[in-house]
Every structure is written in C-alpha cells, then in structure tokens.
Amino acid sequence: MKKDLGSVLALYPTPLVVVGTMVDKKPNWVLVGHVGIMGHDHIMVSLAKPHYTNRGIRDTKVLSVNVVDEAMLRKADYVGCVSGNKTDKSEVFSYSIGPNSAPLIDEAKVSMECTVEDLYETKGFDNFILKIDHTYAEESILNASGKIDYGSFKPILFEMPGYTYLKTGDTAAKCMTLGKETK
C-alpha cells in the first residue's frame, strides 16, 4: 500500500552541477542540485533567490553549467557551503572564458555555456530558462560515435531529502530494448 507523502518533490536524484557566472568582473561558482531538461536544446537551473550568483546571471545573461564528477566533488561541495556574498570563490576552480563570456571550469569533464532566455520566478526561487549554446566534453569520456559515455564519465547525482551524493556508472539496460521483449 502506498502512503500519501503530500506535496513532496520525488524526482530525485538529479545531476549535480556547478554553475559559473561573472559577478563584478570575477567568476563566481555555486553548487546546484535543481536542474531540469526542457527539450534537446534548453535546460532550467533553479536557484534560491538570495544566492549571490543570481545577480551575475541577471546582469550578464550567460552562465556555465559544469557537471560534477567524483574528482571535482570536494571543490564543488565547498562552493555550495560558502556564500559569494561573504567569500570570494573566484579562484576555487581554474577556468576558461567561453565565446559568450561565461566562465567554464577547466577540470569539469562536461561543461555547457548557456544564455538566459527567460526567468520564471516562484516563491523563493529564480528559475532560469537557458538555451544551450555550447557543450564541451573531454575526449577521454567520448565513445566511438563522439557522444558522452556516461559509464566512463560517471557524473555525481544529488539526492534529496537525504542531501546525499550518489555515484553513477552501472547500466541497467539499453533504452527501448526491454519493452520489445514484453508482450
């Protein structure tokens, strides 16, 4: 028997990312666990309104979304623990500037440079609707077809309400194969 949990979000785990944007001409980084897909060329990043990063995103209209793996987890967790309002996080990661002027984390194996197309505000949150302009991936995690191999990349996932990080990597099945075996 299922128990009614009320109005509880149950779509976790989600990919863990570090968002980067320029604030007062310096990069600022924030750890984000609330991201979503909005088609093949758009994503959404949801940030609590008090985040320092929001100001930079609103001002520049560009940001990077850097997917976290285990190698960068410690630094990623750090930028989620301290506020840009009180701590200069500009030197936590080495970075490059993308064509649209967003800071991209050099050690992130996957980074997307995005442009803000819309802002949807909800109680306490700024939900940035983003067009993906550029996606960069380390060659070492690409398969023979030039696509990201998530089995070798192994991004970290964020799980709530436990506030835990989960490892990825195992394949359960290939998409659109199990249904063909079911009659």
N, C-alpha and C. Protein backbone atom coordinates (compact mmCIF):
# COMPACT_ATOMS: atom_id res chain seq x y z
N MET A 1 0.84 -1.17 0.00
CA MET A 1 0.00 0.00 0.00
C MET A 1 0.89 1.24 0.00
N LYS A 2 0.54 2.23 -0.81
CA LYS A 2 1.31 3.46 -0.88
C LYS A 2 0.79 4.46 0.15
N LYS A 3 1.72 5.24 0.70
CA LYS A 3 1.39 6.27 1.67
C LYS A 3 1.46 7.63 0.98
N ASP A 4 0.49 8.49 1.21
CA ASP A 4 0.47 9.85 0.67
C ASP A 4 1.48 10.69 1.44
N LEU A 5 2.51 11.17 0.77
CA LEU A 5 3.54 11.99 1.40
C LEU A 5 3.22 13.48 1.30
N GLY A 6 2.12 13.83 0.66
CA GLY A 6 1.77 15.23 0.48
C GLY A 6 2.44 15.79 -0.76
N SER A 7 2.59 17.07 -0.80
CA SER A 7 3.18 17.77 -1.94
C SER A 7 4.70 17.73 -1.85
N VAL A 8 5.27 16.55 -2.11
CA VAL A 8 6.71 16.33 -1.97
C VAL A 8 7.30 16.05 -3.35
N LEU A 9 8.36 16.75 -3.68
CA LEU A 9 9.07 16.51 -4.94
C LEU A 9 9.76 15.15 -4.86
N ALA A 10 9.50 14.30 -5.83
CA ALA A 10 10.06 12.94 -5.81
C ALA A 10 10.76 12.59 -7.12
N LEU A 11 11.38 13.56 -7.74
CA LEU A 11 12.10 13.31 -9.00
C LEU A 11 13.61 13.24 -8.81
N TYR A 12 14.04 12.97 -7.61
CA TYR A 12 15.47 12.83 -7.36
C TYR A 12 15.89 11.41 -7.63
N PRO A 13 17.16 11.13 -7.90
CA PRO A 13 18.29 12.06 -7.91
C PRO A 13 18.38 12.84 -9.22
N THR A 14 19.10 13.95 -9.16
CA THR A 14 19.35 14.79 -10.32
C THR A 14 20.86 14.98 -10.48
N PRO A 15 21.30 15.33 -11.68
CA PRO A 15 22.74 15.59 -11.86
C PRO A 15 23.18 16.75 -10.97
N LEU A 16 24.34 16.64 -10.40
CA LEU A 16 24.92 17.70 -9.59
C LEU A 16 25.78 18.55 -10.51
N VAL A 17 25.59 19.87 -10.45
CA VAL A 17 26.35 20.77 -11.30
C VAL A 17 26.88 21.95 -10.50
N VAL A 18 27.91 22.56 -11.04
CA VAL A 18 28.39 23.84 -10.53
C VAL A 18 28.09 24.87 -11.60
N VAL A 19 27.35 25.90 -11.22
CA VAL A 19 27.03 26.99 -12.13
C VAL A 19 28.07 28.09 -11.94
N GLY A 20 28.55 28.61 -13.05
CA GLY A 20 29.50 29.71 -13.01
C GLY A 20 28.99 30.89 -13.80
N THR A 21 29.19 32.08 -13.26
CA THR A 21 28.85 33.31 -13.96
C THR A 21 29.77 34.41 -13.46
N MET A 22 29.83 35.50 -14.17
CA MET A 22 30.65 36.62 -13.76
C MET A 22 29.81 37.55 -12.88
N VAL A 23 30.39 37.91 -11.73
CA VAL A 23 29.77 38.88 -10.83
C VAL A 23 30.83 39.92 -10.53
N ASP A 24 30.55 41.15 -10.89
CA ASP A 24 31.53 42.24 -10.71
C ASP A 24 32.88 41.89 -11.34
N LYS A 25 32.83 41.36 -12.56
CA LYS A 25 34.00 41.04 -13.38
C LYS A 25 34.88 39.91 -12.83
N LYS A 26 34.32 39.12 -11.90
CA LYS A 26 35.03 37.96 -11.37
C LYS A 26 34.10 36.75 -11.44
N PRO A 27 34.67 35.55 -11.69
CA PRO A 27 33.80 34.38 -11.71
C PRO A 27 33.30 34.05 -10.30
N ASN A 28 32.09 33.58 -10.24
CA ASN A 28 31.52 33.07 -9.00
C ASN A 28 30.92 31.71 -9.31
N TRP A 29 31.05 30.80 -8.37
CA TRP A 29 30.60 29.42 -8.54
C TRP A 29 29.59 29.07 -7.46
N VAL A 30 28.57 28.29 -7.83
CA VAL A 30 27.61 27.80 -6.84
C VAL A 30 27.22 26.37 -7.21
N LEU A 31 27.10 25.53 -6.20
CA LEU A 31 26.67 24.15 -6.38
C LEU A 31 25.15 24.13 -6.55
N VAL A 32 24.67 23.38 -7.55
CA VAL A 32 23.24 23.35 -7.85
C VAL A 32 22.78 21.91 -8.03
N GLY A 33 21.73 21.56 -7.33
CA GLY A 33 21.12 20.24 -7.46
C GLY A 33 19.76 20.29 -8.12
N HIS A 34 19.29 21.50 -8.43
CA HIS A 34 17.97 21.64 -9.05
C HIS A 34 18.14 22.10 -10.49
N VAL A 35 18.25 21.12 -11.37
CA VAL A 35 18.38 21.37 -12.81
C VAL A 35 17.36 20.50 -13.53
N GLY A 36 16.96 20.93 -14.72
CA GLY A 36 15.99 20.15 -15.47
C GLY A 36 16.16 20.30 -16.96
N ILE A 37 15.70 19.31 -17.68
CA ILE A 37 15.75 19.29 -19.14
C ILE A 37 14.45 19.87 -19.68
N MET A 38 14.56 20.72 -20.68
CA MET A 38 13.39 21.33 -21.31
C MET A 38 13.47 21.15 -22.82
N GLY A 39 13.67 19.95 -23.27
CA GLY A 39 13.86 19.68 -24.69
C GLY A 39 15.33 19.36 -24.93
N HIS A 40 15.71 19.28 -26.19
CA HIS A 40 17.08 18.89 -26.52
C HIS A 40 18.06 20.05 -26.50
N ASP A 41 17.57 21.29 -26.48
CA ASP A 41 18.48 22.43 -26.54
C ASP A 41 18.24 23.46 -25.44
N HIS A 42 17.41 23.13 -24.46
CA HIS A 42 17.13 24.03 -23.35
C HIS A 42 17.16 23.27 -22.03
N ILE A 43 17.64 23.95 -21.00
CA ILE A 43 17.61 23.42 -19.64
C ILE A 43 17.11 24.51 -18.70
N MET A 44 16.85 24.11 -17.47
CA MET A 44 16.44 25.05 -16.44
C MET A 44 17.34 24.86 -15.24
N VAL A 45 17.78 25.96 -14.66
CA VAL A 45 18.55 25.95 -13.42
C VAL A 45 17.74 26.75 -12.41
N SER A 46 17.47 26.14 -11.26
CA SER A 46 16.68 26.77 -10.21
C SER A 46 17.58 27.12 -9.03
N LEU A 47 17.61 28.40 -8.68
CA LEU A 47 18.45 28.87 -7.58
C LEU A 47 17.60 29.65 -6.58
N ALA A 48 17.84 29.43 -5.30
CA ALA A 48 17.16 30.22 -4.28
C ALA A 48 17.47 31.69 -4.51
N LYS A 49 16.48 32.54 -4.34
CA LYS A 49 16.62 33.96 -4.65
C LYS A 49 17.80 34.66 -3.95
N PRO A 50 18.15 34.31 -2.70
CA PRO A 50 19.24 35.04 -2.04
C PRO A 50 20.64 34.75 -2.59
N HIS A 51 20.80 33.76 -3.48
CA HIS A 51 22.14 33.44 -3.97
C HIS A 51 22.80 34.64 -4.65
N TYR A 52 24.05 34.85 -4.32
CA TYR A 52 24.88 35.89 -4.91
C TYR A 52 24.99 35.70 -6.43
N THR A 53 25.06 34.46 -6.85
CA THR A 53 25.20 34.10 -8.26
C THR A 53 24.05 34.66 -9.11
N ASN A 54 22.86 34.71 -8.56
CA ASN A 54 21.69 35.17 -9.31
C ASN A 54 21.92 36.56 -9.89
N ARG A 55 22.57 37.42 -9.11
CA ARG A 55 22.83 38.79 -9.59
C ARG A 55 23.67 38.77 -10.85
N GLY A 56 24.71 37.94 -10.87
CA GLY A 56 25.57 37.85 -12.06
C GLY A 56 24.82 37.29 -13.25
N ILE A 57 23.98 36.29 -13.02
CA ILE A 57 23.21 35.72 -14.13
C ILE A 57 22.24 36.75 -14.68
N ARG A 58 21.57 37.47 -13.80
CA ARG A 58 20.63 38.51 -14.25
C ARG A 58 21.35 39.61 -15.04
N ASP A 59 22.56 39.99 -14.59
CA ASP A 59 23.30 41.07 -15.24
C ASP A 59 23.90 40.65 -16.58
N THR A 60 24.52 39.46 -16.63
CA THR A 60 25.25 39.07 -17.84
C THR A 60 24.41 38.25 -18.82
N LYS A 61 23.38 37.57 -18.30
CA LYS A 61 22.51 36.69 -19.11
C LYS A 61 23.24 35.48 -19.66
N VAL A 62 24.44 35.17 -19.13
CA VAL A 62 25.17 33.97 -19.53
C VAL A 62 25.70 33.25 -18.29
N LEU A 63 25.85 31.94 -18.42
CA LEU A 63 26.39 31.14 -17.33
C LEU A 63 26.90 29.83 -17.89
N SER A 64 27.70 29.17 -17.07
CA SER A 64 28.13 27.82 -17.43
C SER A 64 27.49 26.85 -16.46
N VAL A 65 27.22 25.65 -16.98
CA VAL A 65 26.70 24.54 -16.19
C VAL A 65 27.74 23.44 -16.32
N ASN A 66 28.45 23.17 -15.23
CA ASN A 66 29.58 22.25 -15.22
C ASN A 66 29.18 21.00 -14.44
N VAL A 67 29.16 19.86 -15.11
CA VAL A 67 28.68 18.63 -14.49
C VAL A 67 29.78 18.06 -13.59
N VAL A 68 29.39 17.75 -12.36
CA VAL A 68 30.33 17.30 -11.32
C VAL A 68 30.57 15.79 -11.43
N ASP A 69 31.83 15.41 -11.36
CA ASP A 69 32.19 14.00 -11.20
C ASP A 69 32.93 13.88 -9.87
N GLU A 70 33.32 12.66 -9.52
CA GLU A 70 33.92 12.45 -8.20
C GLU A 70 35.23 13.23 -8.01
N ALA A 71 36.00 13.41 -9.08
CA ALA A 71 37.27 14.11 -8.97
C ALA A 71 37.11 15.56 -8.55
N MET A 72 36.00 16.19 -8.91
CA MET A 72 35.82 17.61 -8.55
C MET A 72 34.80 17.81 -7.43
N LEU A 73 34.34 16.72 -6.81
CA LEU A 73 33.27 16.80 -5.81
C LEU A 73 33.65 17.64 -4.59
N ARG A 74 34.86 17.50 -4.08
CA ARG A 74 35.25 18.25 -2.87
C ARG A 74 35.14 19.77 -3.11
N LYS A 75 35.69 20.25 -4.23
CA LYS A 75 35.62 21.68 -4.54
C LYS A 75 34.17 22.11 -4.81
N ALA A 76 33.44 21.24 -5.49
CA ALA A 76 32.04 21.55 -5.79
C ALA A 76 31.24 21.69 -4.50
N ASP A 77 31.44 20.78 -3.57
CA ASP A 77 30.75 20.85 -2.29
C ASP A 77 31.12 22.14 -1.56
N TYR A 78 32.39 22.51 -1.62
CA TYR A 78 32.84 23.75 -0.97
C TYR A 78 32.09 24.97 -1.48
N VAL A 79 31.95 25.08 -2.82
CA VAL A 79 31.28 26.28 -3.35
C VAL A 79 29.79 26.29 -3.04
N GLY A 80 29.27 25.15 -2.58
CA GLY A 80 27.90 25.09 -2.10
C GLY A 80 27.79 25.40 -0.62
N CYS A 81 28.91 25.35 0.09
CA CYS A 81 28.91 25.59 1.55
C CYS A 81 29.12 27.05 1.93
N VAL A 82 29.74 27.81 1.05
CA VAL A 82 30.05 29.21 1.37
C VAL A 82 29.33 30.13 0.39
N SER A 83 28.95 31.29 0.88
CA SER A 83 28.22 32.26 0.07
C SER A 83 29.16 33.23 -0.61
N GLY A 84 28.88 33.52 -1.87
CA GLY A 84 29.63 34.55 -2.59
C GLY A 84 29.44 35.93 -2.00
N ASN A 85 28.38 36.11 -1.21
CA ASN A 85 28.18 37.39 -0.52
C ASN A 85 29.26 37.63 0.53
N LYS A 86 29.87 36.54 1.05
CA LYS A 86 30.85 36.66 2.12
C LYS A 86 32.23 36.15 1.73
N THR A 87 32.31 35.28 0.72
CA THR A 87 33.57 34.63 0.36
C THR A 87 33.83 34.78 -1.13
N ASP A 88 35.04 35.17 -1.48
CA ASP A 88 35.45 35.24 -2.88
C ASP A 88 35.76 33.82 -3.35
N LYS A 89 34.93 33.27 -4.22
CA LYS A 89 35.12 31.90 -4.72
C LYS A 89 35.74 31.87 -6.11
N SER A 90 36.23 33.02 -6.58
CA SER A 90 36.70 33.13 -7.96
C SER A 90 37.89 32.23 -8.28
N GLU A 91 38.69 31.87 -7.28
CA GLU A 91 39.89 31.08 -7.55
C GLU A 91 39.77 29.62 -7.11
N VAL A 92 38.57 29.17 -6.77
CA VAL A 92 38.39 27.78 -6.36
C VAL A 92 38.70 26.84 -7.52
N PHE A 93 38.26 27.21 -8.71
CA PHE A 93 38.49 26.41 -9.90
C PHE A 93 39.33 27.21 -10.90
N SER A 94 40.22 26.53 -11.63
CA SER A 94 40.83 27.18 -12.78
C SER A 94 39.76 27.17 -13.86
N TYR A 95 39.76 28.17 -14.70
CA TYR A 95 38.67 28.32 -15.66
C TYR A 95 39.15 28.97 -16.95
N SER A 96 38.32 28.82 -17.96
CA SER A 96 38.50 29.49 -19.24
C SER A 96 37.23 30.27 -19.50
N ILE A 97 37.32 31.27 -20.32
CA ILE A 97 36.14 32.06 -20.68
C ILE A 97 35.63 31.58 -22.04
N GLY A 98 34.35 31.23 -22.08
CA GLY A 98 33.73 30.74 -23.30
C GLY A 98 33.42 31.87 -24.27
N PRO A 99 33.00 31.53 -25.49
CA PRO A 99 32.70 32.52 -26.52
C PRO A 99 31.63 33.54 -26.09
N ASN A 100 30.73 33.15 -25.18
CA ASN A 100 29.69 34.06 -24.71
C ASN A 100 30.07 34.76 -23.42
N SER A 101 31.32 34.58 -22.99
CA SER A 101 31.89 35.23 -21.79
C SER A 101 31.51 34.58 -20.47
N ALA A 102 31.05 33.34 -20.50
CA ALA A 102 30.79 32.61 -19.25
C ALA A 102 32.06 31.90 -18.81
N PRO A 103 32.34 31.86 -17.50
CA PRO A 103 33.49 31.10 -17.02
C PRO A 103 33.18 29.59 -17.04
N LEU A 104 34.09 28.81 -17.64
CA LEU A 104 33.95 27.36 -17.75
C LEU A 104 35.02 26.69 -16.91
N ILE A 105 34.64 25.77 -16.05
CA ILE A 105 35.59 25.09 -15.17
C ILE A 105 36.47 24.14 -16.00
N ASP A 106 37.78 24.37 -15.95
CA ASP A 106 38.71 23.57 -16.74
C ASP A 106 38.68 22.09 -16.37
N GLU A 107 38.54 21.75 -15.08
CA GLU A 107 38.59 20.35 -14.67
C GLU A 107 37.26 19.62 -14.84
N ALA A 108 36.20 20.34 -15.17
CA ALA A 108 34.91 19.68 -15.42
C ALA A 108 35.01 18.93 -16.75
N LYS A 109 34.65 17.67 -16.73
CA LYS A 109 34.74 16.89 -17.96
C LYS A 109 33.63 17.25 -18.94
N VAL A 110 32.53 17.82 -18.43
CA VAL A 110 31.43 18.29 -19.28
C VAL A 110 31.00 19.67 -18.79
N SER A 111 30.97 20.62 -19.71
CA SER A 111 30.50 21.97 -19.41
C SER A 111 29.60 22.45 -20.53
N MET A 112 28.55 23.17 -20.14
CA MET A 112 27.67 23.80 -21.12
C MET A 112 27.68 25.30 -20.90
N GLU A 113 27.84 26.05 -21.97
CA GLU A 113 27.73 27.50 -21.89
C GLU A 113 26.32 27.85 -22.37
N CYS A 114 25.61 28.60 -21.56
CA CYS A 114 24.19 28.85 -21.81
C CYS A 114 23.86 30.34 -21.76
N THR A 115 22.79 30.69 -22.47
CA THR A 115 22.23 32.04 -22.47
C THR A 115 20.85 32.00 -21.84
N VAL A 116 20.58 32.97 -20.98
CA VAL A 116 19.27 33.06 -20.34
C VAL A 116 18.24 33.52 -21.38
N GLU A 117 17.20 32.72 -21.56
CA GLU A 117 16.11 33.10 -22.45
C GLU A 117 14.90 33.61 -21.69
N ASP A 118 14.75 33.15 -20.44
CA ASP A 118 13.59 33.56 -19.66
C ASP A 118 13.88 33.33 -18.19
N LEU A 119 13.12 33.97 -17.36
CA LEU A 119 13.21 33.80 -15.92
C LEU A 119 11.81 33.56 -15.40
N TYR A 120 11.62 32.45 -14.74
CA TYR A 120 10.32 32.11 -14.16
C TYR A 120 10.51 32.11 -12.65
N GLU A 121 9.87 33.05 -11.99
CA GLU A 121 10.01 33.19 -10.55
C GLU A 121 8.91 32.43 -9.82
N THR A 122 9.32 31.69 -8.80
CA THR A 122 8.37 31.05 -7.90
C THR A 122 8.75 31.51 -6.49
N LYS A 123 7.93 31.16 -5.53
CA LYS A 123 8.18 31.60 -4.16
C LYS A 123 9.58 31.16 -3.71
N GLY A 124 10.46 32.12 -3.55
CA GLY A 124 11.80 31.84 -3.05
C GLY A 124 12.83 31.41 -4.08
N PHE A 125 12.43 31.22 -5.34
CA PHE A 125 13.37 30.71 -6.35
C PHE A 125 13.34 31.50 -7.65
N ASP A 126 14.51 31.66 -8.24
CA ASP A 126 14.67 32.15 -9.60
C ASP A 126 14.94 30.93 -10.46
N ASN A 127 14.09 30.69 -11.44
CA ASN A 127 14.23 29.55 -12.33
C ASN A 127 14.64 30.07 -13.70
N PHE A 128 15.90 29.90 -14.02
CA PHE A 128 16.46 30.42 -15.26
C PHE A 128 16.25 29.41 -16.38
N ILE A 129 15.57 29.84 -17.43
CA ILE A 129 15.35 29.03 -18.62
C ILE A 129 16.51 29.35 -19.57
N LEU A 130 17.26 28.31 -19.94
CA LEU A 130 18.52 28.52 -20.64
C LEU A 130 18.57 27.82 -21.98
N LYS A 131 19.11 28.52 -22.96
CA LYS A 131 19.43 27.93 -24.25
C LYS A 131 20.87 27.44 -24.17
N ILE A 132 21.09 26.19 -24.57
CA ILE A 132 22.44 25.64 -24.58
C ILE A 132 23.13 26.14 -25.85
N ASP A 133 24.18 26.95 -25.68
CA ASP A 133 24.91 27.49 -26.83
C ASP A 133 26.10 26.62 -27.24
N HIS A 134 26.80 26.09 -26.23
CA HIS A 134 27.99 25.27 -26.48
C HIS A 134 28.06 24.19 -25.42
N THR A 135 28.41 22.98 -25.84
CA THR A 135 28.67 21.89 -24.89
C THR A 135 30.08 21.38 -25.16
N TYR A 136 30.87 21.33 -24.09
CA TYR A 136 32.25 20.89 -24.18
C TYR A 136 32.42 19.61 -23.38
N ALA A 137 33.11 18.63 -23.95
CA ALA A 137 33.35 17.36 -23.25
C ALA A 137 34.78 16.91 -23.48
N GLU A 138 35.42 16.42 -22.43
CA GLU A 138 36.76 15.85 -22.54
C GLU A 138 36.70 14.66 -23.50
N GLU A 139 37.67 14.57 -24.38
CA GLU A 139 37.70 13.47 -25.35
C GLU A 139 37.76 12.11 -24.67
N SER A 140 38.35 12.05 -23.48
CA SER A 140 38.51 10.77 -22.78
C SER A 140 37.18 10.14 -22.37
N ILE A 141 36.10 10.91 -22.35
CA ILE A 141 34.80 10.34 -21.96
C ILE A 141 33.85 10.21 -23.15
N LEU A 142 34.36 10.37 -24.36
CA LEU A 142 33.53 10.23 -25.55
C LEU A 142 33.63 8.81 -26.09
N ASN A 143 32.52 8.30 -26.60
CA ASN A 143 32.53 6.96 -27.20
C ASN A 143 32.98 7.07 -28.66
N ALA A 144 32.98 5.96 -29.37
CA ALA A 144 33.44 5.93 -30.76
C ALA A 144 32.59 6.81 -31.67
N SER A 145 31.35 7.07 -31.28
CA SER A 145 30.46 7.93 -32.08
C SER A 145 30.60 9.41 -31.72
N GLY A 146 31.50 9.72 -30.78
CA GLY A 146 31.69 11.11 -30.38
C GLY A 146 30.66 11.62 -29.38
N LYS A 147 29.93 10.71 -28.75
CA LYS A 147 28.92 11.08 -27.75
C LYS A 147 29.48 10.80 -26.36
N ILE A 148 28.94 11.51 -25.36
CA ILE A 148 29.40 11.31 -23.99
C ILE A 148 29.03 9.90 -23.53
N ASP A 149 30.01 9.19 -23.02
CA ASP A 149 29.82 7.85 -22.45
C ASP A 149 29.69 8.03 -20.94
N TYR A 150 28.46 8.02 -20.46
CA TYR A 150 28.22 8.28 -19.04
C TYR A 150 28.71 7.14 -18.15
N GLY A 151 28.93 5.96 -18.73
CA GLY A 151 29.51 4.86 -17.98
C GLY A 151 30.96 5.13 -17.61
N SER A 152 31.69 5.82 -18.48
CA SER A 152 33.07 6.16 -18.13
C SER A 152 33.15 7.53 -17.46
N PHE A 153 32.25 8.43 -17.77
CA PHE A 153 32.24 9.76 -17.15
C PHE A 153 31.82 9.67 -15.68
N LYS A 154 30.76 8.98 -15.39
CA LYS A 154 30.24 8.77 -14.04
C LYS A 154 29.95 10.06 -13.28
N PRO A 155 28.98 10.86 -13.75
CA PRO A 155 28.64 12.08 -13.02
C PRO A 155 28.04 11.76 -11.65
N ILE A 156 28.18 12.69 -10.74
CA ILE A 156 27.61 12.57 -9.40
C ILE A 156 26.17 13.05 -9.44
N LEU A 157 25.30 12.38 -8.70
CA LEU A 157 23.90 12.77 -8.60
C LEU A 157 23.62 13.31 -7.20
N PHE A 158 22.64 14.21 -7.12
CA PHE A 158 22.20 14.78 -5.84
C PHE A 158 20.86 14.17 -5.48
N GLU A 159 20.75 13.70 -4.24
CA GLU A 159 19.52 13.09 -3.75
C GLU A 159 19.00 13.90 -2.57
N MET A 160 17.71 14.19 -2.61
CA MET A 160 17.07 14.91 -1.51
C MET A 160 15.83 14.12 -1.15
N PRO A 161 15.39 13.97 0.04
CA PRO A 161 15.68 14.84 1.17
C PRO A 161 16.90 14.45 1.99
N GLY A 162 17.60 13.39 1.63
CA GLY A 162 18.75 12.97 2.41
C GLY A 162 19.99 13.84 2.24
N TYR A 163 19.98 14.76 1.28
CA TYR A 163 21.13 15.61 0.99
C TYR A 163 22.40 14.76 0.85
N THR A 164 22.35 13.78 -0.07
CA THR A 164 23.48 12.92 -0.29
C THR A 164 23.89 12.95 -1.76
N TYR A 165 25.14 12.60 -2.00
CA TYR A 165 25.68 12.49 -3.34
C TYR A 165 25.76 11.01 -3.69
N LEU A 166 25.32 10.66 -4.87
CA LEU A 166 25.32 9.28 -5.33
C LEU A 166 26.26 9.12 -6.52
N LYS A 167 26.91 7.96 -6.60
CA LYS A 167 27.77 7.65 -7.74
C LYS A 167 26.94 7.01 -8.84
N THR A 168 27.37 7.19 -10.08
CA THR A 168 26.72 6.56 -11.22
C THR A 168 27.72 5.66 -11.93
N GLY A 169 27.24 4.98 -12.94
CA GLY A 169 28.16 4.20 -13.76
C GLY A 169 27.63 2.89 -14.28
N ASP A 170 26.78 2.21 -13.54
CA ASP A 170 26.28 0.91 -13.97
C ASP A 170 25.12 1.07 -14.96
N THR A 171 25.08 0.21 -15.97
CA THR A 171 24.00 0.21 -16.94
C THR A 171 22.98 -0.85 -16.55
N ALA A 172 21.70 -0.46 -16.47
CA ALA A 172 20.63 -1.40 -16.16
C ALA A 172 20.14 -2.10 -17.43
N ALA A 173 20.03 -1.32 -18.51
CA ALA A 173 19.57 -1.86 -19.81
C ALA A 173 19.73 -0.77 -20.85
N LYS A 174 19.71 -1.16 -22.09
CA LYS A 174 19.70 -0.20 -23.19
C LYS A 174 18.26 0.27 -23.40
N CYS A 175 18.09 1.55 -23.61
CA CYS A 175 16.77 2.15 -23.82
C CYS A 175 16.07 1.52 -25.03
N MET A 176 14.79 1.33 -24.90
CA MET A 176 13.93 0.81 -25.96
C MET A 176 14.25 -0.65 -26.33
N THR A 177 14.79 -1.42 -25.38
CA THR A 177 15.04 -2.84 -25.63
C THR A 177 14.15 -3.72 -24.78
N LEU A 178 13.95 -3.37 -23.54
CA LEU A 178 13.16 -4.20 -22.64
C LEU A 178 11.71 -4.30 -23.07
N GLY A 179 11.18 -3.17 -23.53
CA GLY A 179 9.77 -3.16 -23.97
C GLY A 179 9.54 -4.05 -25.16
N LYS A 180 10.53 -4.21 -26.00
CA LYS A 180 10.38 -5.06 -27.18
C LYS A 180 10.26 -6.52 -26.79
N GLU A 181 10.78 -6.85 -25.61
CA GLU A 181 10.73 -8.24 -25.14
C GLU A 181 9.44 -8.52 -24.38
N THR A 182 8.66 -7.48 -24.08
CA THR A 182 7.43 -7.63 -23.31
C THR A 182 6.24 -7.71 -24.23
N LYS A 183 5.37 -8.66 -23.99
CA LYS A 183 4.16 -8.78 -24.81
C LYS A 183 2.94 -8.83 -23.95
